[in-house]
Amino acid sequence: MMTRAIYFFAACAMAAGCTTTKEATPVELQKINIAVPVPCQVATPERPAMPTEVLAPGVTPFVLLRASLAEIDRREAYEGQLAAALASCRAPLK
């Protein structure tokens, strides 16, 4: 008999917690931005052959100077391609 009384009071307590009010507060939603890592899909540009790497030992200084100037231009173009690939990987997703 005592266990029935305990169950009855427990059921009454749970039912009392289920009362509803006429003024229900609306639920406010918040937008939360979470950074999600994604793999970069940009291909790494291939490194070009540099003019000074193919020179034979003992070339004249004038030939070395021309190859060095050509290498500067080629290296700057390659670095520009690398910077563009890196920038596209760092760009935010849409």
Protein backbone atom coordinates (compact mmCIF):
# COMPACT_ATOMS: atom_id res chain seq x y z
CA MET A 1 0.00 0.00 0.00
CA MET A 2 2.86 2.35 0.83
CA THR A 3 4.51 1.84 -2.58
CA ARG A 4 1.24 2.76 -4.30
CA ALA A 5 1.14 5.99 -2.34
CA ILE A 6 4.71 6.80 -3.34
CA TYR A 7 3.95 6.12 -6.99
CA PHE A 8 0.80 8.24 -6.74
CA PHE A 9 2.68 11.23 -5.27
CA ALA A 10 5.45 10.86 -7.84
CA ALA A 11 2.88 10.83 -10.66
CA CYS A 12 1.17 13.92 -9.19
CA ALA A 13 4.51 15.75 -8.93
CA MET A 14 5.37 14.96 -12.54
CA ALA A 15 1.92 15.99 -13.74
CA ALA A 16 2.21 19.27 -11.85
CA GLY A 17 5.39 20.08 -13.77
CA CYS A 18 3.58 19.70 -17.09
CA THR A 19 1.32 22.71 -16.69
CA THR A 20 1.19 25.12 -19.59
CA THR A 21 1.00 28.87 -19.51
CA LYS A 22 -0.90 31.06 -21.93
CA GLU A 23 2.09 33.31 -22.54
CA ALA A 24 4.74 31.08 -24.06
CA THR A 25 7.99 32.89 -24.80
CA PRO A 26 9.14 32.60 -28.41
CA VAL A 27 12.38 30.77 -29.04
CA GLU A 28 15.19 33.05 -30.21
CA LEU A 29 17.59 31.52 -32.72
CA GLN A 30 21.22 32.53 -32.91
CA LYS A 31 23.46 32.07 -35.90
CA ILE A 32 26.83 30.64 -34.89
CA ASN A 33 29.69 30.62 -37.37
CA ILE A 34 32.07 27.71 -36.97
CA ALA A 35 35.17 27.35 -39.11
CA VAL A 36 35.29 23.96 -40.78
CA PRO A 37 38.61 22.90 -42.31
CA VAL A 38 38.38 21.76 -45.91
CA PRO A 39 41.16 20.46 -48.14
CA CYS A 40 42.50 22.85 -50.76
CA GLN A 41 41.52 21.75 -54.26
CA VAL A 42 43.96 24.01 -56.14
CA ALA A 43 46.80 22.26 -57.95
CA THR A 44 50.29 23.42 -57.05
CA PRO A 45 51.92 25.06 -60.07
CA GLU A 46 54.91 23.20 -61.41
CA ARG A 47 58.30 24.76 -60.79
CA PRO A 48 59.86 25.89 -64.06
CA ALA A 49 63.41 25.03 -65.03
CA MET A 50 65.66 27.90 -63.99
CA PRO A 51 68.17 29.16 -66.58
CA THR A 52 71.13 29.20 -64.19
CA GLU A 53 70.61 25.54 -63.29
CA VAL A 54 71.39 24.35 -66.82
CA LEU A 55 74.53 26.42 -67.35
CA ALA A 56 77.79 24.58 -67.80
CA PRO A 57 80.54 25.31 -65.33
CA GLY A 58 82.95 28.05 -66.40
CA VAL A 59 80.59 30.11 -68.59
CA THR A 60 81.44 33.72 -69.26
CA PRO A 61 80.13 36.36 -66.85
CA PHE A 62 77.98 37.89 -69.59
CA VAL A 63 76.15 34.59 -70.18
CA LEU A 64 75.73 34.14 -66.42
CA LEU A 65 74.31 37.67 -66.14
CA ARG A 66 71.77 37.05 -68.92
CA ALA A 67 70.70 33.75 -67.34
CA SER A 68 70.39 35.39 -63.91
CA LEU A 69 68.19 38.20 -65.25
CA ALA A 70 65.99 35.67 -67.06
CA GLU A 71 65.77 33.61 -63.88
CA ILE A 72 64.58 36.61 -61.87
CA ASP A 73 61.65 37.11 -64.26
CA ARG A 74 60.81 33.42 -64.32
CA ARG A 75 61.03 33.11 -60.51
CA GLU A 76 58.78 36.17 -59.98
CA ALA A 77 56.16 34.67 -62.30
CA TYR A 78 56.34 31.35 -60.44
CA GLU A 79 56.03 33.08 -57.06
CA GLY A 80 52.96 34.94 -58.39
CA GLN A 81 51.35 31.62 -59.33
CA LEU A 82 52.13 30.21 -55.88
CA ALA A 83 50.68 33.30 -54.18
CA ALA A 84 47.49 33.03 -56.27
CA ALA A 85 47.11 29.34 -55.38
CA LEU A 86 47.61 30.09 -51.69
CA ALA A 87 45.14 32.98 -51.79
CA SER A 88 42.47 30.80 -53.37
CA CYS A 89 42.98 28.20 -50.61
CA ARG A 90 42.63 30.85 -47.92
CA ALA A 91 39.54 32.47 -49.46
CA PRO A 92 36.40 32.06 -47.36
CA LEU A 93 33.80 29.57 -48.54
CA LYS A 94 30.56 30.91 -49.96
